[in-house]
PDB file of N, CA and C in Angstrom:
ATOM      1  N   MET A   1     -91.302 180.659 -51.784  1.00  0.00           N
ATOM      2  CA  MET A   1     -89.976 180.815 -51.923  1.00  0.00           C
ATOM      3  C   MET A   1     -89.194 179.766 -52.963  1.00  0.00           C
ATOM      4  N   ILE A   2     -88.330 180.294 -53.861  1.00  0.00           N
ATOM      5  CA  ILE A   2     -87.824 179.581 -55.021  1.00  0.00           C
ATOM      6  C   ILE A   2     -86.151 179.756 -54.853  1.00  0.00           C
ATOM      7  N   MET A   3     -85.446 178.557 -55.166  1.00  0.00           N
ATOM      8  CA  MET A   3     -84.112 178.763 -55.040  1.00  0.00           C
ATOM      9  C   MET A   3     -83.683 179.954 -56.033  1.00  0.00           C
ATOM     10  N   LYS A   4     -82.407 180.353 -55.635  1.00  0.00           N
ATOM     11  CA  LYS A   4     -81.748 181.432 -56.340  1.00  0.00           C
ATOM     12  C   LYS A   4     -81.510 181.086 -57.776  1.00  0.00           C
ATOM     13  N   GLY A   5     -81.868 181.893 -58.822  1.00  0.00           N
ATOM     14  CA  GLY A   5     -81.738 181.644 -60.161  1.00  0.00           C
ATOM     15  C   GLY A   5     -82.812 181.030 -60.860  1.00  0.00           C
ATOM     16  N   ASP A   6     -83.795 180.714 -60.173  1.00  0.00           N
ATOM     17  CA  ASP A   6     -85.067 180.066 -60.756  1.00  0.00           C
ATOM     18  C   ASP A   6     -86.189 180.846 -60.630  1.00  0.00           C
ATOM     19  N   GLU A   7     -86.196 182.069 -60.676  1.00  0.00           N
ATOM     20  CA  GLU A   7     -87.199 183.109 -60.313  1.00  0.00           C
ATOM     21  C   GLU A   7     -88.304 182.956 -61.434  1.00  0.00           C
ATOM     22  N   ASN A   8     -88.123 182.593 -62.613  1.00  0.00           N
ATOM     23  CA  ASN A   8     -89.255 182.605 -63.548  1.00  0.00           C
ATOM     24  C   ASN A   8     -89.923 181.315 -63.628  1.00  0.00           C
ATOM     25  N   LEU A   9     -89.561 180.290 -62.814  1.00  0.00           N
ATOM     26  CA  LEU A   9     -90.279 179.123 -62.762  1.00  0.00           C
ATOM     27  C   LEU A   9     -91.722 179.117 -62.302  1.00  0.00           C
ATOM     28  N   PRO A  10     -92.681 178.300 -62.654  1.00  0.00           N
ATOM     29  CA  PRO A  10     -94.229 178.332 -62.093  1.00  0.00           C
ATOM     30  C   PRO A  10     -93.993 178.305 -60.505  1.00  0.00           C
ATOM     31  N   ILE A  11     -94.755 178.952 -59.831  1.00  0.00           N
ATOM     32  CA  ILE A  11     -94.775 178.864 -58.341  1.00  0.00           C
ATOM     33  C   ILE A  11     -95.673 178.140 -57.875  1.00  0.00           C
ATOM     34  N   PRO A  12     -95.614 177.146 -57.076  1.00  0.00           N
ATOM     35  CA  PRO A  12     -96.448 176.154 -56.602  1.00  0.00           C
ATOM     36  C   PRO A  12     -97.517 176.873 -55.806  1.00  0.00           C
ATOM     37  N   ALA A  13     -98.752 176.563 -55.931  1.00  0.00           N
ATOM     38  CA  ALA A  13     -99.937 177.081 -55.178  1.00  0.00           C
ATOM     39  C   ALA A  13    -100.051 176.283 -53.880  1.00  0.00           C
ATOM     40  N   GLY A  14    -100.697 177.024 -52.805  1.00  0.00           N
ATOM     41  CA  GLY A  14    -101.082 176.338 -51.659  1.00  0.00           C
ATOM     42  C   GLY A  14     -99.976 175.396 -51.090  1.00  0.00           C
ATOM     43  N   PHE A  15    -100.345 174.062 -50.894  1.00  0.00           N
ATOM     44  CA  PHE A  15     -99.618 173.249 -50.271  1.00  0.00           C
ATOM     45  C   PHE A  15     -98.728 172.296 -51.085  1.00  0.00           C
ATOM     46  N   ARG A  16     -98.512 172.862 -52.289  1.00  0.00           N
ATOM     47  CA  ARG A  16     -97.611 171.931 -53.411  1.00  0.00           C
ATOM     48  C   ARG A  16     -96.260 172.291 -53.285  1.00  0.00           C
ATOM     49  N   ILE A  17     -95.355 171.465 -53.821  1.00  0.00           N
ATOM     50  CA  ILE A  17     -93.897 171.604 -53.898  1.00  0.00           C
ATOM     51  C   ILE A  17     -93.483 171.347 -55.249  1.00  0.00           C
ATOM     52  N   LEU A  18     -92.621 172.196 -55.799  1.00  0.00           N
ATOM     53  CA  LEU A  18     -92.006 172.103 -57.081  1.00  0.00           C
ATOM     54  C   LEU A  18     -90.617 171.337 -57.022  1.00  0.00           C
ATOM     55  N   LEU A  19     -90.578 170.326 -57.804  1.00  0.00           N
ATOM     56  CA  LEU A  19     -89.393 169.471 -57.798  1.00  0.00           C
ATOM     57  C   LEU A  19     -88.669 169.283 -59.136  1.00  0.00           C
ATOM     58  N   LYS A  20     -87.453 169.098 -59.108  1.00  0.00           N
ATOM     59  CA  LYS A  20     -86.622 168.894 -60.383  1.00  0.00           C
ATOM     60  C   LYS A  20     -85.981 167.480 -60.304  1.00  0.00           C
ATOM     61  N   PRO A  21     -86.379 166.497 -61.209  1.00  0.00           N
ATOM     62  CA  PRO A  21     -85.880 165.143 -60.971  1.00  0.00           C
ATOM     63  C   PRO A  21     -84.385 165.390 -61.214  1.00  0.00           C
ATOM     64  N   ARG A  22     -83.766 164.399 -60.513  1.00  0.00           N
ATOM     65  CA  ARG A  22     -82.362 164.396 -60.773  1.00  0.00           C
ATOM     66  C   ARG A  22     -81.817 163.857 -62.127  1.00  0.00           C
ATOM     67  N   GLU A  23     -80.653 164.287 -62.416  1.00  0.00           N
ATOM     68  CA  GLU A  23     -80.138 163.940 -63.689  1.00  0.00           C
ATOM     69  C   GLU A  23     -79.446 162.611 -63.523  1.00  0.00           C
ATOM     70  N   ILE A  24     -79.645 161.725 -64.731  1.00  0.00           N
ATOM     71  CA  ILE A  24     -78.896 160.485 -64.598  1.00  0.00           C
ATOM     72  C   ILE A  24     -77.560 160.553 -65.447  1.00  0.00           C
ATOM     73  N   GLN A  25     -76.529 159.826 -64.953  1.00  0.00           N
ATOM     74  CA  GLN A  25     -75.235 159.825 -65.558  1.00  0.00           C
ATOM     75  C   GLN A  25     -75.345 159.152 -66.943  1.00  0.00           C
ATOM     76  N   ALA A  26     -74.606 159.748 -67.838  1.00  0.00           N
ATOM     77  CA  ALA A  26     -74.568 159.396 -69.361  1.00  0.00           C
ATOM     78  C   ALA A  26     -74.043 157.859 -69.695  1.00  0.00           C
ATOM     79  N   LYS A  27     -73.379 157.539 -68.584  1.00  0.00           N
ATOM     80  CA  LYS A  27     -72.781 156.071 -68.839  1.00  0.00           C
ATOM     81  C   LYS A  27     -72.610 155.428 -67.263  1.00  0.00           C
ATOM     82  N   THR A  28     -72.638 153.966 -67.521  1.00  0.00           N
ATOM     83  CA  THR A  28     -72.681 153.259 -66.307  1.00  0.00           C
ATOM     84  C   THR A  28     -71.264 153.205 -65.822  1.00  0.00           C
ATOM     85  N   SER A  29     -71.187 152.636 -64.576  1.00  0.00           N
ATOM     86  CA  SER A  29     -69.833 152.430 -63.852  1.00  0.00           C
ATOM     87  C   SER A  29     -68.963 151.620 -64.560  1.00  0.00           C
ATOM     88  N   GLY A  30     -69.583 150.685 -65.454  1.00  0.00           N
ATOM     89  CA  GLY A  30     -68.808 149.822 -66.338  1.00  0.00           C
ATOM     90  C   GLY A  30     -68.460 150.378 -67.697  1.00  0.00           C
ATOM     91  N   GLY A  31     -68.825 151.680 -67.923  1.00  0.00           N
ATOM     92  CA  GLY A  31     -68.466 152.364 -69.259  1.00  0.00           C
ATOM     93  C   GLY A  31     -69.464 152.178 -70.300  1.00  0.00           C
ATOM     94  N   ILE A  32     -70.627 151.618 -70.005  1.00  0.00           N
ATOM     95  CA  ILE A  32     -71.737 151.610 -71.087  1.00  0.00           C
ATOM     96  C   ILE A  32     -72.363 152.862 -71.122  1.00  0.00           C
ATOM     97  N   ILE A  33     -72.501 153.385 -72.357  1.00  0.00           N
ATOM     98  CA  ILE A  33     -73.207 154.685 -72.711  1.00  0.00           C
ATOM     99  C   ILE A  33     -74.688 154.428 -72.834  1.00  0.00           C
ATOM    100  N   LEU A  34     -75.467 155.127 -71.959  1.00  0.00           N
ATOM    101  CA  LEU A  34     -76.932 154.949 -71.799  1.00  0.00           C
ATOM    102  C   LEU A  34     -77.567 155.751 -73.084  1.00  0.00           C
ATOM    103  N   ALA A  35     -78.539 155.243 -73.692  1.00  0.00           N
ATOM    104  CA  ALA A  35     -79.475 155.963 -74.596  1.00  0.00           C
ATOM    105  C   ALA A  35     -80.092 157.026 -73.905  1.00  0.00           C
ATOM    106  N   ASP A  36     -80.602 158.110 -74.682  1.00  0.00           N
ATOM    107  CA  ASP A  36     -81.415 159.051 -73.952  1.00  0.00           C
ATOM    108  C   ASP A  36     -82.640 158.487 -73.376  1.00  0.00           C
ATOM    109  N   THR A  37     -83.387 157.592 -74.156  1.00  0.00           N
ATOM    110  CA  THR A  37     -84.616 157.004 -73.656  1.00  0.00           C
ATOM    111  C   THR A  37     -84.456 156.304 -72.215  1.00  0.00           C
ATOM    112  N   THR A  38     -83.336 155.638 -72.194  1.00  0.00           N
ATOM    113  CA  THR A  38     -82.920 154.899 -70.816  1.00  0.00           C
ATOM    114  C   THR A  38     -82.670 155.858 -69.756  1.00  0.00           C
ATOM    115  N   LYS A  39     -82.048 157.003 -70.106  1.00  0.00           N
ATOM    116  CA  LYS A  39     -81.694 157.982 -69.043  1.00  0.00           C
ATOM    117  C   LYS A  39     -82.993 158.698 -68.616  1.00  0.00           C
ATOM    118  N   GLU A  40     -83.924 158.978 -69.644  1.00  0.00           N
ATOM    119  CA  GLU A  40     -85.233 159.523 -69.263  1.00  0.00           C
ATOM    120  C   GLU A  40     -85.996 158.556 -68.213  1.00  0.00           C
ATOM    121  N   TRP A  41     -86.123 157.264 -68.678  1.00  0.00           N
ATOM    122  CA  TRP A  41     -86.822 156.552 -67.963  1.00  0.00           C
ATOM    123  C   TRP A  41     -86.166 156.368 -66.673  1.00  0.00           C
ATOM    124  N   GLN A  42     -84.908 156.054 -66.405  1.00  0.00           N
ATOM    125  CA  GLN A  42     -84.318 156.195 -64.945  1.00  0.00           C
ATOM    126  C   GLN A  42     -84.619 157.440 -64.120  1.00  0.00           C
ATOM    127  N   LYS A  43     -84.629 158.569 -64.973  1.00  0.00           N
ATOM    128  CA  LYS A  43     -84.807 159.882 -64.222  1.00  0.00           C
ATOM    129  C   LYS A  43     -86.098 159.769 -63.453  1.00  0.00           C
ATOM    130  N   HIS A  44     -87.246 159.205 -64.100  1.00  0.00           N
ATOM    131  CA  HIS A  44     -88.477 159.286 -63.489  1.00  0.00           C
ATOM    132  C   HIS A  44     -88.825 157.901 -62.639  1.00  0.00           C
ATOM    133  N   ALA A  45     -88.163 156.834 -63.004  1.00  0.00           N
ATOM    134  CA  ALA A  45     -88.330 155.590 -62.358  1.00  0.00           C
ATOM    135  C   ALA A  45     -87.857 155.624 -60.798  1.00  0.00           C
ATOM    136  N   THR A  46     -86.759 156.398 -60.716  1.00  0.00           N
ATOM    137  CA  THR A  46     -86.187 156.424 -59.330  1.00  0.00           C
ATOM    138  C   THR A  46     -86.728 157.348 -58.473  1.00  0.00           C
ATOM    139  N   ASN A  47     -87.423 158.258 -58.923  1.00  0.00           N
ATOM    140  CA  ASN A  47     -88.224 159.254 -58.082  1.00  0.00           C
ATOM    141  C   ASN A  47     -87.512 160.035 -57.110  1.00  0.00           C
ATOM    142  N   ILE A  48     -86.160 160.335 -57.460  1.00  0.00           N
ATOM    143  CA  ILE A  48     -85.424 161.179 -56.589  1.00  0.00           C
ATOM    144  C   ILE A  48     -85.465 162.519 -57.165  1.00  0.00           C
ATOM    145  N   SER A  49     -85.938 163.670 -56.572  1.00  0.00           N
ATOM    146  CA  SER A  49     -85.960 165.021 -57.044  1.00  0.00           C
ATOM    147  C   SER A  49     -85.441 166.035 -56.096  1.00  0.00           C
ATOM    148  N   LYS A  50     -85.005 167.192 -56.533  1.00  0.00           N
ATOM    149  CA  LYS A  50     -84.681 168.156 -55.571  1.00  0.00           C
ATOM    150  C   LYS A  50     -85.752 169.215 -55.390  1.00  0.00           C
ATOM    151  N   VAL A  51     -85.976 169.712 -54.196  1.00  0.00           N
ATOM    152  CA  VAL A  51     -87.035 170.491 -53.919  1.00  0.00           C
ATOM    153  C   VAL A  51     -86.553 171.945 -54.371  1.00  0.00           C
ATOM    154  N   ILE A  52     -87.259 172.641 -55.344  1.00  0.00           N
ATOM    155  CA  ILE A  52     -87.034 173.865 -55.935  1.00  0.00           C
ATOM    156  C   ILE A  52     -87.647 174.892 -55.295  1.00  0.00           C
ATOM    157  N   SER A  53     -88.987 174.739 -54.944  1.00  0.00           N
ATOM    158  CA  SER A  53     -89.792 175.682 -54.343  1.00  0.00           C
ATOM    159  C   SER A  53     -90.992 175.038 -53.487  1.00  0.00           C
ATOM    160  N   MET A  54     -91.629 175.782 -52.659  1.00  0.00           N
ATOM    161  CA  MET A  54     -92.808 175.307 -52.053  1.00  0.00           C
ATOM    162  C   MET A  54     -93.697 176.417 -51.796  1.00  0.00           C
ATOM    163  N   GLY A  55     -95.004 175.958 -52.010  1.00  0.00           N
ATOM    164  CA  GLY A  55     -96.275 176.784 -51.866  1.00  0.00           C
ATOM    165  C   GLY A  55     -96.205 177.435 -50.410  1.00  0.00           C
ATOM    166  N   PRO A  56     -97.031 178.507 -50.264  1.00  0.00           N
ATOM    167  CA  PRO A  56     -97.047 179.319 -49.002  1.00  0.00           C
ATOM    168  C   PRO A  56     -97.706 178.452 -47.925  1.00  0.00           C
ATOM    169  N   GLU A  57     -98.538 177.393 -48.237  1.00  0.00           N
ATOM    170  CA  GLU A  57     -99.292 176.701 -47.205  1.00  0.00           C
ATOM    171  C   GLU A  57     -98.639 175.238 -46.855  1.00  0.00           C
ATOM    172  N   CYS A  58     -97.588 175.007 -47.481  1.00  0.00           N
ATOM    173  CA  CYS A  58     -96.935 173.737 -47.274  1.00  0.00           C
ATOM    174  C   CYS A  58     -96.846 173.273 -45.718  1.00  0.00           C
ATOM    175  N   TYR A  59     -97.285 172.177 -45.400  1.00  0.00           N
ATOM    176  CA  TYR A  59     -97.239 171.641 -44.078  1.00  0.00           C
ATOM    177  C   TYR A  59     -98.123 172.358 -43.175  1.00  0.00           C
ATOM    178  N   GLY A  60     -98.894 173.356 -43.540  1.00  0.00           N
ATOM    179  CA  GLY A  60    -100.004 174.015 -42.778  1.00  0.00           C
ATOM    180  C   GLY A  60     -99.404 174.646 -41.599  1.00  0.00           C
ATOM    181  N   GLU A  61    -100.120 174.238 -40.360  1.00  0.00           N
ATOM    182  CA  GLU A  61     -99.793 174.877 -39.139  1.00  0.00           C
ATOM    183  C   GLU A  61     -98.621 173.879 -38.479  1.00  0.00           C
ATOM    184  N   LYS A  62     -98.072 172.830 -39.128  1.00  0.00           N
ATOM    185  CA  LYS A  62     -97.223 171.957 -38.491  1.00  0.00           C
ATOM    186  C   LYS A  62     -96.036 172.758 -38.163  1.00  0.00           C
ATOM    187  N   GLU A  63     -95.400 172.399 -36.856  1.00  0.00           N
ATOM    188  CA  GLU A  63     -94.049 172.942 -36.494  1.00  0.00           C
ATOM    189  C   GLU A  63     -92.857 172.539 -37.128  1.00  0.00           C
ATOM    190  N   LYS A  64     -92.941 171.062 -37.596  1.00  0.00           N
ATOM    191  CA  LYS A  64     -91.922 170.542 -38.249  1.00  0.00           C
ATOM    192  C   LYS A  64     -92.064 170.182 -39.639  1.00  0.00           C
ATOM    193  N   TYR A  65     -91.201 170.651 -40.557  1.00  0.00           N
ATOM    194  CA  TYR A  65     -91.394 170.353 -41.953  1.00  0.00           C
ATOM    195  C   TYR A  65     -90.591 169.068 -42.296  1.00  0.00           C
ATOM    196  N   TRP A  66     -91.188 168.341 -43.312  1.00  0.00           N
ATOM    197  CA  TRP A  66     -90.731 167.086 -43.614  1.00  0.00           C
ATOM    198  C   TRP A  66     -89.352 167.223 -44.605  1.00  0.00           C
ATOM    199  N   CYS A  67     -89.478 168.499 -45.462  1.00  0.00           N
ATOM    200  CA  CYS A  67     -88.341 168.776 -46.268  1.00  0.00           C
ATOM    201  C   CYS A  67     -88.303 170.235 -46.345  1.00  0.00           C
ATOM    202  N   LYS A  68     -87.257 170.777 -47.014  1.00  0.00           N
ATOM    203  CA  LYS A  68     -87.123 172.050 -47.410  1.00  0.00           C
ATOM    204  C   LYS A  68     -86.424 172.388 -48.641  1.00  0.00           C
ATOM    205  N   ILE A  69     -86.391 173.628 -49.114  1.00  0.00           N
ATOM    206  CA  ILE A  69     -85.910 173.947 -50.455  1.00  0.00           C
ATOM    207  C   ILE A  69     -84.349 173.490 -50.519  1.00  0.00           C
ATOM    208  N   GLY A  70     -83.990 172.843 -51.473  1.00  0.00           N
ATOM    209  CA  GLY A  70     -82.594 172.396 -51.624  1.00  0.00           C
ATOM    210  C   GLY A  70     -82.417 170.955 -51.310  1.00  0.00           C
ATOM    211  N   ASP A  71     -83.393 170.236 -50.446  1.00  0.00           N
ATOM    212  CA  ASP A  71     -83.309 168.890 -50.136  1.00  0.00           C
ATOM    213  C   ASP A  71     -83.700 168.013 -51.308  1.00  0.00           C
ATOM    214  N   TRP A  72     -82.989 166.792 -51.368  1.00  0.00           N
ATOM    215  CA  TRP A  72     -83.269 165.714 -52.319  1.00  0.00           C
ATOM    216  C   TRP A  72     -84.355 164.850 -51.583  1.00  0.00           C
ATOM    217  N   VAL A  73     -85.458 164.609 -52.210  1.00  0.00           N
ATOM    218  CA  VAL A  73     -86.583 163.778 -51.667  1.00  0.00           C
ATOM    219  C   VAL A  73     -86.903 162.682 -52.482  1.00  0.00           C
ATOM    220  N   LEU A  74     -87.744 161.561 -51.910  1.00  0.00           N
ATOM    221  CA  LEU A  74     -88.059 160.413 -52.667  1.00  0.00           C
ATOM    222  C   LEU A  74     -89.531 160.605 -52.713  1.00  0.00           C
ATOM    223  N   THR A  75     -90.208 160.261 -53.752  1.00  0.00           N
ATOM    224  CA  THR A  75     -91.648 160.434 -53.942  1.00  0.00           C
ATOM    225  C   THR A  75     -92.102 159.092 -54.619  1.00  0.00           C
ATOM    226  N   GLY A  76     -93.497 158.902 -54.621  1.00  0.00           N
ATOM    227  CA  GLY A  76     -94.132 157.678 -55.255  1.00  0.00           C
ATOM    228  C   GLY A  76     -94.000 157.958 -56.812  1.00  0.00           C
ATOM    229  N   LYS A  77     -94.028 156.741 -57.525  1.00  0.00           N
ATOM    230  CA  LYS A  77     -93.704 156.808 -58.838  1.00  0.00           C
ATOM    231  C   LYS A  77     -94.770 157.549 -59.799  1.00  0.00           C
ATOM    232  N   TYR A  78     -95.976 157.562 -59.315  1.00  0.00           N
ATOM    233  CA  TYR A  78     -97.005 158.154 -60.263  1.00  0.00           C
ATOM    234  C   TYR A  78     -97.690 159.491 -59.684  1.00  0.00           C
ATOM    235  N   VAL A  79     -96.842 160.179 -58.727  1.00  0.00           N
ATOM    236  CA  VAL A  79     -97.446 161.173 -58.098  1.00  0.00           C
ATOM    237  C   VAL A  79     -97.133 162.623 -58.813  1.00  0.00           C
ATOM    238  N   GLY A  80     -98.045 163.492 -58.660  1.00  0.00           N
ATOM    239  CA  GLY A  80     -97.800 164.786 -59.157  1.00  0.00           C
ATOM    240  C   GLY A  80     -98.039 164.956 -60.692  1.00  0.00           C
ATOM    241  N   SER A  81     -97.841 166.207 -61.023  1.00  0.00           N
ATOM    242  CA  SER A  81     -97.983 166.624 -62.394  1.00  0.00           C
ATOM    243  C   SER A  81     -96.626 167.014 -62.898  1.00  0.00           C
ATOM    244  N   LYS A  82     -96.242 166.218 -63.929  1.00  0.00           N
ATOM    245  CA  LYS A  82     -95.009 166.364 -64.582  1.00  0.00           C
ATOM    246  C   LYS A  82     -95.144 167.339 -65.870  1.00  0.00           C
ATOM    247  N   PHE A  83     -94.212 168.273 -65.940  1.00  0.00           N
ATOM    248  CA  PHE A  83     -94.125 169.172 -67.191  1.00  0.00           C
ATOM    249  C   PHE A  83     -92.769 169.623 -67.443  1.00  0.00           C
ATOM    250  N   LYS A  84     -92.580 170.150 -68.665  1.00  0.00           N
ATOM    251  CA  LYS A  84     -91.250 170.733 -69.116  1.00  0.00           C
ATOM    252  C   LYS A  84     -91.460 172.263 -68.985  1.00  0.00           C
ATOM    253  N   TYR A  85     -90.344 172.869 -68.488  1.00  0.00           N
ATOM    254  CA  TYR A  85     -90.245 174.358 -68.678  1.00  0.00           C
ATOM    255  C   TYR A  85     -88.890 174.775 -68.987  1.00  0.00           C
ATOM    256  N   ASP A  86     -88.680 175.482 -70.202  1.00  0.00           N
ATOM    257  CA  ASP A  86     -87.754 175.832 -70.775  1.00  0.00           C
ATOM    258  C   ASP A  86     -86.667 174.643 -71.051  1.00  0.00           C
ATOM    259  N   ASN A  87     -87.434 173.542 -71.689  1.00  0.00           N
ATOM    260  CA  ASN A  87     -86.741 172.389 -71.858  1.00  0.00           C
ATOM    261  C   ASN A  87     -86.166 171.578 -70.928  1.00  0.00           C
ATOM    262  N   GLU A  88     -86.480 171.847 -69.626  1.00  0.00           N
ATOM    263  CA  GLU A  88     -86.109 171.027 -68.297  1.00  0.00           C
ATOM    264  C   GLU A  88     -87.389 170.550 -67.742  1.00  0.00           C
ATOM    265  N   ASP A  89     -87.277 169.274 -67.278  1.00  0.00           N
ATOM    266  CA  ASP A  89     -88.218 168.470 -66.585  1.00  0.00           C
ATOM    267  C   ASP A  89     -88.438 169.006 -65.277  1.00  0.00           C
ATOM    268  N   TYR A  90     -89.872 169.110 -64.665  1.00  0.00           N
ATOM    269  CA  TYR A  90     -90.167 169.443 -63.311  1.00  0.00           C
ATOM    270  C   TYR A  90     -91.418 168.578 -62.960  1.00  0.00           C
ATOM    271  N   THR A  91     -91.672 168.531 -61.697  1.00  0.00           N
ATOM    272  CA  THR A  91     -93.056 167.914 -61.225  1.00  0.00           C
ATOM    273  C   THR A  91     -93.411 168.727 -60.104  1.00  0.00           C
ATOM    274  N   ILE A  92     -94.731 168.889 -59.995  1.00  0.00           N
ATOM    275  CA  ILE A  92     -95.432 169.472 -58.824  1.00  0.00           C
ATOM    276  C   ILE A  92     -96.212 168.553 -57.972  1.00  0.00           C
ATOM    277  N   ILE A  93     -95.912 168.224 -56.798  1.00  0.00           N
ATOM    278  CA  ILE A  93     -96.622 167.381 -55.900  1.00  0.00           C
ATOM    279  C   ILE A  93     -97.281 168.051 -54.642  1.00  0.00           C
ATOM    280  N   ASN A  94     -98.125 167.410 -54.003  1.00  0.00           N
ATOM    281  CA  ASN A  94     -98.591 167.834 -52.690  1.00  0.00           C
ATOM    282  C   ASN A  94     -97.542 167.507 -51.582  1.00  0.00           C
ATOM    283  N   ASP A  95     -97.586 168.323 -50.584  1.00  0.00           N
ATOM    284  CA  ASP A  95     -96.537 168.188 -49.548  1.00  0.00           C
ATOM    285  C   ASP A  95     -96.645 166.879 -48.834  1.00  0.00           C
ATOM    286  N   ASP A  96     -97.852 166.200 -48.871  1.00  0.00           N
ATOM    287  CA  ASP A  96     -97.837 165.020 -48.092  1.00  0.00           C
ATOM    288  C   ASP A  96     -97.348 163.699 -48.999  1.00  0.00           C
ATOM    289  N   GLU A  97     -96.934 164.041 -50.229  1.00  0.00           N
ATOM    290  CA  GLU A  97     -96.480 162.867 -51.003  1.00  0.00           C
ATOM    291  C   GLU A  97     -94.983 162.652 -50.922  1.00  0.00           C
ATOM    292  N   VAL A  98     -94.256 163.486 -50.133  1.00  0.00           N
ATOM    293  CA  VAL A  98     -92.857 163.230 -49.854  1.00  0.00           C
ATOM    294  C   VAL A  98     -92.793 161.977 -49.031  1.00  0.00           C
ATOM    295  N   ILE A  99     -92.116 160.894 -49.393  1.00  0.00           N
ATOM    296  CA  ILE A  99     -91.863 159.662 -48.783  1.00  0.00           C
ATOM    297  C   ILE A  99     -90.675 159.799 -47.838  1.00  0.00           C
ATOM    298  N   ALA A 100     -89.585 160.483 -48.229  1.00  0.00           N
ATOM    299  CA  ALA A 100     -88.360 160.438 -47.593  1.00  0.00           C
ATOM    300  C   ALA A 100     -87.456 161.560 -48.081  1.00  0.00           C
ATOM    301  N   VAL A 101     -86.685 162.076 -47.156  1.00  0.00           N
ATOM    302  CA  VAL A 101     -85.551 162.937 -47.449  1.00  0.00           C
ATOM    303  C   VAL A 101     -84.257 162.203 -47.746  1.00  0.00           C
ATOM    304  N   VAL A 102     -83.531 162.358 -48.880  1.00  0.00           N
ATOM    305  CA  VAL A 102     -82.543 161.506 -49.284  1.00  0.00           C
ATOM    306  C   VAL A 102     -81.231 162.326 -48.977  1.00  0.00           C
ATOM    307  N   LYS A 103     -80.316 161.825 -48.186  1.00  0.00           N
ATOM    308  CA  LYS A 103     -79.020 162.598 -47.968  1.00  0.00           C
ATOM    309  C   LYS A 103     -77.951 162.328 -49.110  1.00  0.00           C
ATOM    310  N   LYS A 104     -77.971 161.171 -49.745  1.00  0.00           N
ATOM    311  CA  LYS A 104     -77.132 160.704 -50.831  1.00  0.00           C
ATOM    312  C   LYS A 104     -77.909 160.323 -51.930  1.00  0.00           C
ATOM    313  N   PRO A 105     -78.400 161.165 -52.781  1.00  0.00           N
ATOM    314  CA  PRO A 105     -79.257 160.687 -54.028  1.00  0.00           C
ATOM    315  C   PRO A 105     -78.455 159.626 -54.845  1.00  0.00           C
ATOM    316  N   GLU A 106     -77.074 159.839 -54.957  1.00  0.00           N
ATOM    317  CA  GLU A 106     -76.288 159.043 -55.923  1.00  0.00           C
ATOM    318  C   GLU A 106     -76.274 157.612 -55.434  1.00  0.00           C
ATOM    319  N   LYS A 107     -76.634 157.298 -54.247  1.00  0.00           N
ATOM    320  CA  LYS A 107     -76.644 155.893 -53.781  1.00  0.00           C
ATOM    321  C   LYS A 107     -77.861 155.076 -53.992  1.00  0.00           C
ATOM    322  N   ILE A 108     -78.882 155.985 -54.484  1.00  0.00           N
ATOM    323  CA  ILE A 108     -80.292 155.155 -54.882  1.00  0.00           C
ATOM    324  C   ILE A 108     -80.285 155.012 -56.161  1.00  0.00           C
ATOM    325  N   SER A 109     -80.603 153.633 -56.639  1.00  0.00           N
ATOM    326  CA  SER A 109     -80.770 153.200 -58.042  1.00  0.00           C
ATOM    327  C   SER A 109     -82.078 152.376 -58.325  1.00  0.00           C
ATOM    328  N   LEU A 110     -82.192 152.026 -59.537  1.00  0.00           N
ATOM    329  CA  LEU A 110     -83.342 151.210 -59.740  1.00  0.00           C
ATOM    330  C   LEU A 110     -83.303 149.781 -58.929  1.00  0.00           C
ATOM    331  N   LYS A 111     -84.310 149.102 -58.627  1.00  0.00           N
ATOM    332  CA  LYS A 111     -84.248 147.774 -58.077  1.00  0.00           C
ATOM    333  C   LYS A 111     -83.757 146.925 -58.938  1.00  0.00           C
TER     334      LYS A 111
END
């Protein structure tokens, strides 16, 4: 299953999840404009992504899902396969690589 409007994206196989990293603001709360390379680094360094689609075998026979399509999730820094599709960044991870569901992704920043 894929979020509406994303029907042409690659479909994750088996127990994999397709994620879209969150976009980083162009400037800081203090008004400093961030360079594109800084925004790109922060996008992947914070590891907060939106669940776009899930493979048909996600979570196997488990009755409770850790996350669902549309959730924001926290993942490890080096997990998954990162790629660009139609000039947008995406990552595919295994379902067990979700660390947490994040209710307010804008509250999480770099350490």
